[in-house]
Amino acid sequence: PDLRYMTADDEPVRTAVLGTPGIPDLVEAAVVAVHAYASGP
């Protein structure tokens, strides 16, 4: 209830999302995937 009406513009939401196990690893995996797409023929 404390975060429901907030958005990604609010620090508590950013902290909650980026503190979620797996999110930092998924961001890094997405960086790798973007580079893989960009290096294709």
Full PDB file with SEQRES, HELIX, SHEET, SSBOND, CRYST1, ORIGX, SCALE, CONECT and MASTER records, all heavy atoms in Angstrom:
SEQRES   1 A   41  PRO ASP LEU ARG TYR MET THR ALA ASP ASP GLU PRO VAL          
SEQRES   2 A   41  ARG THR ALA VAL LEU GLY THR PRO GLY ILE PRO ASP LEU          
SEQRES   3 A   41  VAL GLU ALA ALA VAL VAL ALA VAL HIS ALA TYR ALA SER          
SEQRES   4 A   41  GLY PRO                                                      
HELIX    1 AA1 GLU A   11  LEU A   18  1                                   8    
HELIX    2 AA2 ILE A   23  ALA A   38  1                                  16    
CRYST1    1.000    1.000    1.000  90.00  90.00  90.00 P 1           1          
ORIGX1      1.000000  0.000000  0.000000        0.00000                         
ORIGX2      0.000000  1.000000  0.000000        0.00000                         
ORIGX3      0.000000  0.000000  1.000000        0.00000                         
SCALE1      1.000000  0.000000  0.000000        0.00000                         
SCALE2      0.000000  1.000000  0.000000        0.00000                         
SCALE3      0.000000  0.000000  1.000000        0.00000                         
ATOM      1  N   PRO A   1       0.817  -1.227   0.000  1.00  0.00           N  
ATOM      2  CA  PRO A   1       0.000   0.000   0.000  1.00  0.00           C  
ATOM      3  C   PRO A   1       0.851   1.278   0.000  1.00  0.00           C  
ATOM      4  O   PRO A   1       0.434   2.293  -0.554  1.00  0.00           O  
ATOM      5  CB  PRO A   1      -0.812  -0.115   1.289  1.00  0.00           C  
ATOM      6  CG  PRO A   1      -0.818  -1.566   1.615  1.00  0.00           C  
ATOM      7  CD  PRO A   1       0.482  -2.113   1.106  1.00  0.00           C  
ATOM      8  N   ASP A   2       2.046   1.215   0.584  1.00  0.00           N  
ATOM      9  CA  ASP A   2       2.916   2.397   0.618  1.00  0.00           C  
ATOM     10  C   ASP A   2       3.474   2.750  -0.752  1.00  0.00           C  
ATOM     11  O   ASP A   2       3.795   3.910  -1.016  1.00  0.00           O  
ATOM     12  CB  ASP A   2       4.089   2.173   1.582  1.00  0.00           C  
ATOM     13  CG  ASP A   2       3.640   2.073   3.030  1.00  0.00           C  
ATOM     14  OD1 ASP A   2       2.536   2.572   3.357  1.00  0.00           O  
ATOM     15  OD2 ASP A   2       4.391   1.491   3.833  1.00  0.00           O  
ATOM     16  N   LEU A   3       3.617   1.759  -1.627  1.00  0.00           N  
ATOM     17  CA  LEU A   3       4.228   1.981  -2.943  1.00  0.00           C  
ATOM     18  C   LEU A   3       3.224   2.006  -4.093  1.00  0.00           C  
ATOM     19  O   LEU A   3       3.538   2.485  -5.180  1.00  0.00           O  
ATOM     20  CB  LEU A   3       5.271   0.893  -3.225  1.00  0.00           C  
ATOM     21  CG  LEU A   3       6.424   0.770  -2.237  1.00  0.00           C  
ATOM     22  CD1 LEU A   3       7.327  -0.399  -2.619  1.00  0.00           C  
ATOM     23  CD2 LEU A   3       7.209   2.064  -2.138  1.00  0.00           C  
ATOM     24  N   ARG A   4       2.034   1.496  -3.854  1.00  0.00           N  
ATOM     25  CA  ARG A   4       1.050   1.294  -4.927  1.00  0.00           C  
ATOM     26  C   ARG A   4       0.828   2.528  -5.787  1.00  0.00           C  
ATOM     27  O   ARG A   4       0.774   2.445  -7.013  1.00  0.00           O  
ATOM     28  CB  ARG A   4      -0.279   0.824  -4.340  1.00  0.00           C  
ATOM     29  CG  ARG A   4      -1.341   0.572  -5.415  1.00  0.00           C  
ATOM     30  CD  ARG A   4      -2.549  -0.136  -4.859  1.00  0.00           C  
ATOM     31  NE  ARG A   4      -2.099  -1.404  -4.292  1.00  0.00           N  
ATOM     32  CZ  ARG A   4      -2.595  -1.928  -3.177  1.00  0.00           C  
ATOM     33  NH1 ARG A   4      -3.538  -1.318  -2.518  1.00  0.00           N  
ATOM     34  NH2 ARG A   4      -2.140  -3.081  -2.736  1.00  0.00           N  
ATOM     35  N   TYR A   5       0.687   3.682  -5.184  1.00  0.00           N  
ATOM     36  CA  TYR A   5       0.353   4.886  -5.953  1.00  0.00           C  
ATOM     37  C   TYR A   5       1.586   5.701  -6.340  1.00  0.00           C  
ATOM     38  O   TYR A   5       1.471   6.756  -6.940  1.00  0.00           O  
ATOM     39  CB  TYR A   5      -0.674   5.727  -5.200  1.00  0.00           C  
ATOM     40  CG  TYR A   5      -2.001   5.001  -5.152  1.00  0.00           C  
ATOM     41  CD1 TYR A   5      -2.343   4.211  -4.057  1.00  0.00           C  
ATOM     42  CD2 TYR A   5      -2.871   5.037  -6.229  1.00  0.00           C  
ATOM     43  CE1 TYR A   5      -3.529   3.502  -4.026  1.00  0.00           C  
ATOM     44  CE2 TYR A   5      -4.062   4.339  -6.212  1.00  0.00           C  
ATOM     45  CZ  TYR A   5      -4.385   3.562  -5.109  1.00  0.00           C  
ATOM     46  OH  TYR A   5      -5.558   2.850  -5.098  1.00  0.00           O  
ATOM     47  N   MET A   6       2.759   5.176  -5.993  1.00  0.00           N  
ATOM     48  CA  MET A   6       4.001   5.789  -6.451  1.00  0.00           C  
ATOM     49  C   MET A   6       4.344   5.217  -7.818  1.00  0.00           C  
ATOM     50  O   MET A   6       3.696   4.287  -8.300  1.00  0.00           O  
ATOM     51  CB  MET A   6       5.143   5.489  -5.472  1.00  0.00           C  
ATOM     52  CG  MET A   6       4.996   6.145  -4.135  1.00  0.00           C  
ATOM     53  SD  MET A   6       6.463   5.750  -3.138  1.00  0.00           S  
ATOM     54  CE  MET A   6       6.003   6.523  -1.611  1.00  0.00           C  
ATOM     55  N   THR A   7       5.383   5.770  -8.427  1.00  0.00           N  
ATOM     56  CA  THR A   7       5.855   5.263  -9.713  1.00  0.00           C  
ATOM     57  C   THR A   7       7.370   5.123  -9.676  1.00  0.00           C  
ATOM     58  O   THR A   7       8.015   5.411  -8.660  1.00  0.00           O  
ATOM     59  CB  THR A   7       5.491   6.217 -10.871  1.00  0.00           C  
ATOM     60  OG1 THR A   7       6.287   7.405 -10.755  1.00  0.00           O  
ATOM     61  CG2 THR A   7       4.011   6.560 -10.894  1.00  0.00           C  
ATOM     62  N   ALA A   8       7.934   4.760 -10.794  1.00  0.00           N  
ATOM     63  CA  ALA A   8       9.386   4.657 -10.935  1.00  0.00           C  
ATOM     64  C   ALA A   8      10.068   6.002 -10.738  1.00  0.00           C  
ATOM     65  O   ALA A   8      11.286   6.057 -10.579  1.00  0.00           O  
ATOM     66  CB  ALA A   8       9.734   4.089 -12.305  1.00  0.00           C  
ATOM     67  N   ASP A   9       9.311   7.077 -10.720  1.00  0.00           N  
ATOM     68  CA  ASP A   9       9.877   8.401 -10.451  1.00  0.00           C  
ATOM     69  C   ASP A   9      10.200   8.587  -8.963  1.00  0.00           C  
ATOM     70  O   ASP A   9      10.889   9.535  -8.603  1.00  0.00           O  
ATOM     71  CB  ASP A   9       8.909   9.506 -10.897  1.00  0.00           C  
ATOM     72  CG  ASP A   9       8.758   9.561 -12.399  1.00  0.00           C  
ATOM     73  OD1 ASP A   9       9.698   9.155 -13.119  1.00  0.00           O  
ATOM     74  OD2 ASP A   9       7.701  10.029 -12.872  1.00  0.00           O  
ATOM     75  N   ASP A  10       9.687   7.695  -8.122  1.00  0.00           N  
ATOM     76  CA  ASP A  10       9.858   7.811  -6.678  1.00  0.00           C  
ATOM     77  C   ASP A  10      10.960   6.869  -6.185  1.00  0.00           C  
ATOM     78  O   ASP A  10      10.974   5.678  -6.514  1.00  0.00           O  
ATOM     79  CB  ASP A  10       8.538   7.490  -5.967  1.00  0.00           C  
ATOM     80  CG  ASP A  10       7.439   8.466  -6.357  1.00  0.00           C  
ATOM     81  OD1 ASP A  10       7.603   9.665  -6.083  1.00  0.00           O  
ATOM     82  OD2 ASP A  10       6.433   8.024  -6.945  1.00  0.00           O  
ATOM     83  N   GLU A  11      11.851   7.412  -5.363  1.00  0.00           N  
ATOM     84  CA  GLU A  11      13.004   6.644  -4.866  1.00  0.00           C  
ATOM     85  C   GLU A  11      12.612   5.351  -4.160  1.00  0.00           C  
ATOM     86  O   GLU A  11      13.268   4.315  -4.372  1.00  0.00           O  
ATOM     87  CB  GLU A  11      13.877   7.518  -3.963  1.00  0.00           C  
ATOM     88  CG  GLU A  11      15.132   6.817  -3.493  1.00  0.00           C  
ATOM     89  CD  GLU A  11      16.031   6.337  -4.624  1.00  0.00           C  
ATOM     90  OE1 GLU A  11      16.168   7.062  -5.641  1.00  0.00           O  
ATOM     91  OE2 GLU A  11      16.593   5.230  -4.519  1.00  0.00           O  
ATOM     92  N   PRO A  12      11.567   5.326  -3.309  1.00  0.00           N  
ATOM     93  CA  PRO A  12      11.225   4.045  -2.661  1.00  0.00           C  
ATOM     94  C   PRO A  12      10.892   2.935  -3.659  1.00  0.00           C  
ATOM     95  O   PRO A  12      11.207   1.771  -3.418  1.00  0.00           O  
ATOM     96  CB  PRO A  12      10.014   4.389  -1.795  1.00  0.00           C  
ATOM     97  CG  PRO A  12      10.147   5.854  -1.517  1.00  0.00           C  
ATOM     98  CD  PRO A  12      10.746   6.436  -2.781  1.00  0.00           C  
ATOM     99  N   VAL A  13      10.293   3.288  -4.779  1.00  0.00           N  
ATOM    100  CA  VAL A  13       9.980   2.285  -5.806  1.00  0.00           C  
ATOM    101  C   VAL A  13      11.273   1.809  -6.465  1.00  0.00           C  
ATOM    102  O   VAL A  13      11.491   0.600  -6.642  1.00  0.00           O  
ATOM    103  CB  VAL A  13       8.995   2.843  -6.857  1.00  0.00           C  
ATOM    104  CG1 VAL A  13       8.860   1.897  -8.047  1.00  0.00           C  
ATOM    105  CG2 VAL A  13       7.639   3.102  -6.218  1.00  0.00           C  
ATOM    106  N   ARG A  14      12.150   2.733  -6.820  1.00  0.00           N  
ATOM    107  CA  ARG A  14      13.424   2.357  -7.444  1.00  0.00           C  
ATOM    108  C   ARG A  14      14.228   1.449  -6.513  1.00  0.00           C  
ATOM    109  O   ARG A  14      14.773   0.431  -6.937  1.00  0.00           O  
ATOM    110  CB  ARG A  14      14.233   3.598  -7.818  1.00  0.00           C  
ATOM    111  CG  ARG A  14      13.617   4.380  -8.960  1.00  0.00           C  
ATOM    112  CD  ARG A  14      14.546   5.461  -9.500  1.00  0.00           C  
ATOM    113  NE  ARG A  14      14.919   6.457  -8.503  1.00  0.00           N  
ATOM    114  CZ  ARG A  14      14.224   7.558  -8.233  1.00  0.00           C  
ATOM    115  NH1 ARG A  14      13.087   7.806  -8.878  1.00  0.00           N  
ATOM    116  NH2 ARG A  14      14.647   8.416  -7.327  1.00  0.00           N  
ATOM    117  N   THR A  15      14.271   1.800  -5.233  1.00  0.00           N  
ATOM    118  CA  THR A  15      15.006   1.002  -4.256  1.00  0.00           C  
ATOM    119  C   THR A  15      14.408  -0.401  -4.145  1.00  0.00           C  
ATOM    120  O   THR A  15      15.143  -1.397  -4.113  1.00  0.00           O  
ATOM    121  CB  THR A  15      14.998   1.705  -2.879  1.00  0.00           C  
ATOM    122  OG1 THR A  15      15.651   2.968  -3.021  1.00  0.00           O  
ATOM    123  CG2 THR A  15      15.698   0.873  -1.818  1.00  0.00           C  
ATOM    124  N   ALA A  16      13.088  -0.495  -4.088  1.00  0.00           N  
ATOM    125  CA  ALA A  16      12.420  -1.796  -3.974  1.00  0.00           C  
ATOM    126  C   ALA A  16      12.698  -2.668  -5.204  1.00  0.00           C  
ATOM    127  O   ALA A  16      13.026  -3.852  -5.073  1.00  0.00           O  
ATOM    128  CB  ALA A  16      10.914  -1.611  -3.785  1.00  0.00           C  
ATOM    129  N   VAL A  17      12.576  -2.088  -6.381  1.00  0.00           N  
ATOM    130  CA  VAL A  17      12.765  -2.879  -7.599  1.00  0.00           C  
ATOM    131  C   VAL A  17      14.229  -3.296  -7.754  1.00  0.00           C  
ATOM    132  O   VAL A  17      14.528  -4.472  -7.982  1.00  0.00           O  
ATOM    133  CB  VAL A  17      12.279  -2.111  -8.853  1.00  0.00           C  
ATOM    134  CG1 VAL A  17      12.652  -2.859 -10.129  1.00  0.00           C  
ATOM    135  CG2 VAL A  17      10.767  -1.892  -8.790  1.00  0.00           C  
ATOM    136  N   LEU A  18      15.147  -2.357  -7.635  1.00  0.00           N  
ATOM    137  CA  LEU A  18      16.562  -2.683  -7.829  1.00  0.00           C  
ATOM    138  C   LEU A  18      17.122  -3.554  -6.713  1.00  0.00           C  
ATOM    139  O   LEU A  18      18.140  -4.223  -6.896  1.00  0.00           O  
ATOM    140  CB  LEU A  18      17.384  -1.401  -7.986  1.00  0.00           C  
ATOM    141  CG  LEU A  18      17.059  -0.601  -9.253  1.00  0.00           C  
ATOM    142  CD1 LEU A  18      17.843   0.705  -9.268  1.00  0.00           C  
ATOM    143  CD2 LEU A  18      17.316  -1.420 -10.510  1.00  0.00           C  
ATOM    144  N   GLY A  19      16.429  -3.588  -5.572  1.00  0.00           N  
ATOM    145  CA  GLY A  19      16.827  -4.454  -4.476  1.00  0.00           C  
ATOM    146  C   GLY A  19      16.238  -5.849  -4.558  1.00  0.00           C  
ATOM    147  O   GLY A  19      16.507  -6.695  -3.707  1.00  0.00           O  
ATOM    148  N   THR A  20      15.440  -6.106  -5.559  1.00  0.00           N  
ATOM    149  CA  THR A  20      14.818  -7.414  -5.732  1.00  0.00           C  
ATOM    150  C   THR A  20      15.857  -8.403  -6.261  1.00  0.00           C  
ATOM    151  O   THR A  20      16.495  -8.135  -7.283  1.00  0.00           O  
ATOM    152  CB  THR A  20      13.643  -7.329  -6.726  1.00  0.00           C  
ATOM    153  OG1 THR A  20      12.673  -6.416  -6.217  1.00  0.00           O  
ATOM    154  CG2 THR A  20      12.994  -8.688  -6.938  1.00  0.00           C  
ATOM    155  N   PRO A  21      16.043  -9.537  -5.577  1.00  0.00           N  
ATOM    156  CA  PRO A  21      16.998 -10.535  -6.072  1.00  0.00           C  
ATOM    157  C   PRO A  21      16.676 -10.909  -7.525  1.00  0.00           C  
ATOM    158  O   PRO A  21      15.533 -11.133  -7.886  1.00  0.00           O  
ATOM    159  CB  PRO A  21      16.789 -11.727  -5.138  1.00  0.00           C  
ATOM    160  CG  PRO A  21      16.270 -11.116  -3.870  1.00  0.00           C  
ATOM    161  CD  PRO A  21      15.412  -9.958  -4.327  1.00  0.00           C  
ATOM    162  N   GLY A  22      17.722 -10.935  -8.328  1.00  0.00           N  
ATOM    163  CA  GLY A  22      17.579 -11.300  -9.736  1.00  0.00           C  
ATOM    164  C   GLY A  22      17.521 -10.110 -10.677  1.00  0.00           C  
ATOM    165  O   GLY A  22      17.932 -10.230 -11.831  1.00  0.00           O  
ATOM    166  N   ILE A  23      17.007  -8.985 -10.233  1.00  0.00           N  
ATOM    167  CA  ILE A  23      16.873  -7.828 -11.129  1.00  0.00           C  
ATOM    168  C   ILE A  23      18.239  -7.331 -11.612  1.00  0.00           C  
ATOM    169  O   ILE A  23      18.428  -7.151 -12.829  1.00  0.00           O  
ATOM    170  CB  ILE A  23      16.052  -6.694 -10.480  1.00  0.00           C  
ATOM    171  CG1 ILE A  23      14.578  -7.094 -10.371  1.00  0.00           C  
ATOM    172  CG2 ILE A  23      16.192  -5.392 -11.256  1.00  0.00           C  
ATOM    173  CD1 ILE A  23      13.804  -7.161 -11.670  1.00  0.00           C  
ATOM    174  N   PRO A  24      19.215  -7.105 -10.734  1.00  0.00           N  
ATOM    175  CA  PRO A  24      20.515  -6.643 -11.249  1.00  0.00           C  
ATOM    176  C   PRO A  24      21.135  -7.616 -12.258  1.00  0.00           C  
ATOM    177  O   PRO A  24      21.696  -7.190 -13.270  1.00  0.00           O  
ATOM    178  CB  PRO A  24      21.376  -6.518  -9.985  1.00  0.00           C  
ATOM    179  CG  PRO A  24      20.387  -6.289  -8.886  1.00  0.00           C  
ATOM    180  CD  PRO A  24      19.195  -7.129  -9.264  1.00  0.00           C  
ATOM    181  N   ASP A  25      21.003  -8.917 -12.003  1.00  0.00           N  
ATOM    182  CA  ASP A  25      21.530  -9.907 -12.937  1.00  0.00           C  
ATOM    183  C   ASP A  25      20.785  -9.870 -14.268  1.00  0.00           C  
ATOM    184  O   ASP A  25      21.390 -10.038 -15.335  1.00  0.00           O  
ATOM    185  CB  ASP A  25      21.434 -11.316 -12.345  1.00  0.00           C  
ATOM    186  CG  ASP A  25      22.368 -11.525 -11.168  1.00  0.00           C  
ATOM    187  OD1 ASP A  25      23.391 -10.800 -11.061  1.00  0.00           O  
ATOM    188  OD2 ASP A  25      22.079 -12.411 -10.340  1.00  0.00           O  
ATOM    189  N   LEU A  26      19.481  -9.663 -14.212  1.00  0.00           N  
ATOM    190  CA  LEU A  26      18.693  -9.598 -15.442  1.00  0.00           C  
ATOM    191  C   LEU A  26      19.055  -8.352 -16.257  1.00  0.00           C  
ATOM    192  O   LEU A  26      19.110  -8.404 -17.485  1.00  0.00           O  
ATOM    193  CB  LEU A  26      17.194  -9.622 -15.124  1.00  0.00           C  
ATOM    194  CG  LEU A  26      16.261  -9.737 -16.325  1.00  0.00           C  
ATOM    195  CD1 LEU A  26      16.567 -10.979 -17.161  1.00  0.00           C  
ATOM    196  CD2 LEU A  26      14.808  -9.759 -15.858  1.00  0.00           C  
ATOM    197  N   VAL A  27      19.313  -7.248 -15.583  1.00  0.00           N  
ATOM    198  CA  VAL A  27      19.751  -6.039 -16.290  1.00  0.00           C  
ATOM    199  C   VAL A  27      21.060  -6.333 -17.024  1.00  0.00           C  
ATOM    200  O   VAL A  27      21.205  -6.001 -18.213  1.00  0.00           O  
ATOM    201  CB  VAL A  27      19.909  -4.837 -15.335  1.00  0.00           C  
ATOM    202  CG1 VAL A  27      20.584  -3.671 -16.041  1.00  0.00           C  
ATOM    203  CG2 VAL A  27      18.554  -4.404 -14.781  1.00  0.00           C  
ATOM    204  N   GLU A  28      22.002  -6.961 -16.333  1.00  0.00           N  
ATOM    205  CA  GLU A  28      23.285  -7.282 -16.971  1.00  0.00           C  
ATOM    206  C   GLU A  28      23.094  -8.245 -18.141  1.00  0.00           C  
ATOM    207  O   GLU A  28      23.746  -8.112 -19.179  1.00  0.00           O  
ATOM    208  CB  GLU A  28      24.269  -7.854 -15.949  1.00  0.00           C  
ATOM    209  CG  GLU A  28      24.825  -6.815 -15.012  1.00  0.00           C  
ATOM    210  CD  GLU A  28      25.473  -5.629 -15.721  1.00  0.00           C  
ATOM    211  OE1 GLU A  28      26.238  -5.820 -16.687  1.00  0.00           O  
ATOM    212  OE2 GLU A  28      25.174  -4.486 -15.317  1.00  0.00           O  
ATOM    213  N   ALA A  29      22.213  -9.222 -17.984  1.00  0.00           N  
ATOM    214  CA  ALA A  29      21.928 -10.159 -19.076  1.00  0.00           C  
ATOM    215  C   ALA A  29      21.317  -9.427 -20.268  1.00  0.00           C  
ATOM    216  O   ALA A  29      21.621  -9.745 -21.422  1.00  0.00           O  
ATOM    217  CB  ALA A  29      20.998 -11.271 -18.589  1.00  0.00           C  
ATOM    218  N   ALA A  30      20.471  -8.444 -20.002  1.00  0.00           N  
ATOM    219  CA  ALA A  30      19.872  -7.662 -21.084  1.00  0.00           C  
ATOM    220  C   ALA A  30      20.930  -6.846 -21.820  1.00  0.00           C  
ATOM    221  O   ALA A  30      20.872  -6.697 -23.046  1.00  0.00           O  
ATOM    222  CB  ALA A  30      18.763  -6.760 -20.543  1.00  0.00           C  
ATOM    223  N   VAL A  31      21.906  -6.308 -21.076  1.00  0.00           N  
ATOM    224  CA  VAL A  31      23.011  -5.588 -21.715  1.00  0.00           C  
ATOM    225  C   VAL A  31      23.737  -6.520 -22.681  1.00  0.00           C  
ATOM    226  O   VAL A  31      24.006  -6.157 -23.833  1.00  0.00           O  
ATOM    227  CB  VAL A  31      23.992  -5.008 -20.664  1.00  0.00           C  
ATOM    228  CG1 VAL A  31      25.275  -4.511 -21.314  1.00  0.00           C  
ATOM    229  CG2 VAL A  31      23.333  -3.892 -19.868  1.00  0.00           C  
ATOM    230  N   VAL A  32      24.038  -7.733 -22.230  1.00  0.00           N  
ATOM    231  CA  VAL A  32      24.721  -8.711 -23.078  1.00  0.00           C  
ATOM    232  C   VAL A  32      23.861  -9.040 -24.299  1.00  0.00           C  
ATOM    233  O   VAL A  32      24.357  -9.110 -25.425  1.00  0.00           O  
ATOM    234  CB  VAL A  32      25.063  -9.988 -22.273  1.00  0.00           C  
ATOM    235  CG1 VAL A  32      25.579 -11.094 -23.183  1.00  0.00           C  
ATOM    236  CG2 VAL A  32      26.085  -9.666 -21.189  1.00  0.00           C  
ATOM    237  N   ALA A  33      22.558  -9.228 -24.087  1.00  0.00           N  
ATOM    238  CA  ALA A  33      21.658  -9.554 -25.203  1.00  0.00           C  
ATOM    239  C   ALA A  33      21.593  -8.416 -26.213  1.00  0.00           C  
ATOM    240  O   ALA A  33      21.601  -8.661 -27.429  1.00  0.00           O  
ATOM    241  CB  ALA A  33      20.262  -9.881 -24.666  1.00  0.00           C  
ATOM    242  N   VAL A  34      21.541  -7.187 -25.745  1.00  0.00           N  
ATOM    243  CA  VAL A  34      21.523  -6.032 -26.658  1.00  0.00           C  
ATOM    244  C   VAL A  34      22.782  -6.034 -27.512  1.00  0.00           C  
ATOM    245  O   VAL A  34      22.721  -5.845 -28.738  1.00  0.00           O  
ATOM    246  CB  VAL A  34      21.381  -4.704 -25.875  1.00  0.00           C  
ATOM    247  CG1 VAL A  34      21.708  -3.507 -26.761  1.00  0.00           C  
ATOM    248  CG2 VAL A  34      19.971  -4.574 -25.309  1.00  0.00           C  
ATOM    249  N   HIS A  35      23.927  -6.263 -26.896  1.00  0.00           N  
ATOM    250  CA  HIS A  35      25.180  -6.302 -27.660  1.00  0.00           C  
ATOM    251  C   HIS A  35      25.191  -7.460 -28.653  1.00  0.00           C  
ATOM    252  O   HIS A  35      25.726  -7.322 -29.762  1.00  0.00           O  
ATOM    253  CB  HIS A  35      26.377  -6.359 -26.727  1.00  0.00           C  
ATOM    254  CG  HIS A  35      26.645  -5.046 -26.074  1.00  0.00           C  
ATOM    255  ND1 HIS A  35      26.586  -4.874 -24.722  1.00  0.00           N  
ATOM    256  CD2 HIS A  35      26.941  -3.825 -26.593  1.00  0.00           C  
ATOM    257  CE1 HIS A  35      26.854  -3.613 -24.426  1.00  0.00           C  
ATOM    258  NE2 HIS A  35      27.060  -2.957 -25.542  1.00  0.00           N  
ATOM    259  N   ALA A  36      24.605  -8.594 -28.282  1.00  0.00           N  
ATOM    260  CA  ALA A  36      24.537  -9.732 -29.197  1.00  0.00           C  
ATOM    261  C   ALA A  36      23.686  -9.384 -30.421  1.00  0.00           C  
ATOM    262  O   ALA A  36      24.081  -9.652 -31.560  1.00  0.00           O  
ATOM    263  CB  ALA A  36      23.969 -10.956 -28.476  1.00  0.00           C  
ATOM    264  N   TYR A  37      22.519  -8.764 -30.193  1.00  0.00           N  
ATOM    265  CA  TYR A  37      21.684  -8.336 -31.324  1.00  0.00           C  
ATOM    266  C   TYR A  37      22.428  -7.336 -32.199  1.00  0.00           C  
ATOM    267  O   TYR A  37      22.382  -7.404 -33.423  1.00  0.00           O  
ATOM    268  CB  TYR A  37      20.377  -7.707 -30.834  1.00  0.00           C  
ATOM    269  CG  TYR A  37      19.295  -8.695 -30.525  1.00  0.00           C  
ATOM    270  CD1 TYR A  37      19.045  -9.095 -29.219  1.00  0.00           C  
ATOM    271  CD2 TYR A  37      18.507  -9.232 -31.531  1.00  0.00           C  
ATOM    272  CE1 TYR A  37      18.051 -10.005 -28.920  1.00  0.00           C  
ATOM    273  CE2 TYR A  37      17.508 -10.145 -31.252  1.00  0.00           C  
ATOM    274  CZ  TYR A  37      17.285 -10.529 -29.942  1.00  0.00           C  
ATOM    275  OH  TYR A  37      16.297 -11.436 -29.662  1.00  0.00           O  
ATOM    276  N   ALA A  38      23.130  -6.411 -31.571  1.00  0.00           N  
ATOM    277  CA  ALA A  38      23.816  -5.358 -32.318  1.00  0.00           C  
ATOM    278  C   ALA A  38      25.001  -5.884 -33.118  1.00  0.00           C  
ATOM    279  O   ALA A  38      25.426  -5.243 -34.086  1.00  0.00           O  
ATOM    280  CB  ALA A  38      24.283  -4.260 -31.359  1.00  0.00           C  
ATOM    281  N   SER A  39      25.534  -7.029 -32.735  1.00  0.00           N  
ATOM    282  CA  SER A  39      26.689  -7.560 -33.448  1.00  0.00           C  
ATOM    283  C   SER A  39      26.312  -8.531 -34.558  1.00  0.00           C  
ATOM    284  O   SER A  39      27.178  -9.034 -35.257  1.00  0.00           O  
ATOM    285  CB  SER A  39      27.650  -8.240 -32.468  1.00  0.00           C  
ATOM    286  OG  SER A  39      27.047  -9.400 -31.924  1.00  0.00           O  
ATOM    287  N   GLY A  40      25.031  -8.787 -34.732  1.00  0.00           N  
ATOM    288  CA  GLY A  40      24.586  -9.714 -35.762  1.00  0.00           C  
ATOM    289  C   GLY A  40      24.865  -9.188 -37.165  1.00  0.00           C  
ATOM    290  O   GLY A  40      25.167  -8.007 -37.356  1.00  0.00           O  
ATOM    291  N   PRO A  41      24.758 -10.056 -38.149  1.00  0.00           N  
ATOM    292  CA  PRO A  41      25.080  -9.661 -39.517  1.00  0.00           C  
ATOM    293  C   PRO A  41      24.158  -8.578 -40.085  1.00  0.00           C  
ATOM    294  O   PRO A  41      24.545  -7.855 -40.995  1.00  0.00           O  
ATOM    295  CB  PRO A  41      24.950 -10.968 -40.311  1.00  0.00           C  
ATOM    296  CG  PRO A  41      24.152 -11.880 -39.453  1.00  0.00           C  
ATOM    297  CD  PRO A  41      24.358 -11.446 -38.034  1.00  0.00           C  
TER     298      PRO A  41                                                      
MASTER        0    0    0    2    0    0    0    6  297    1    0    4          
END                                                                             
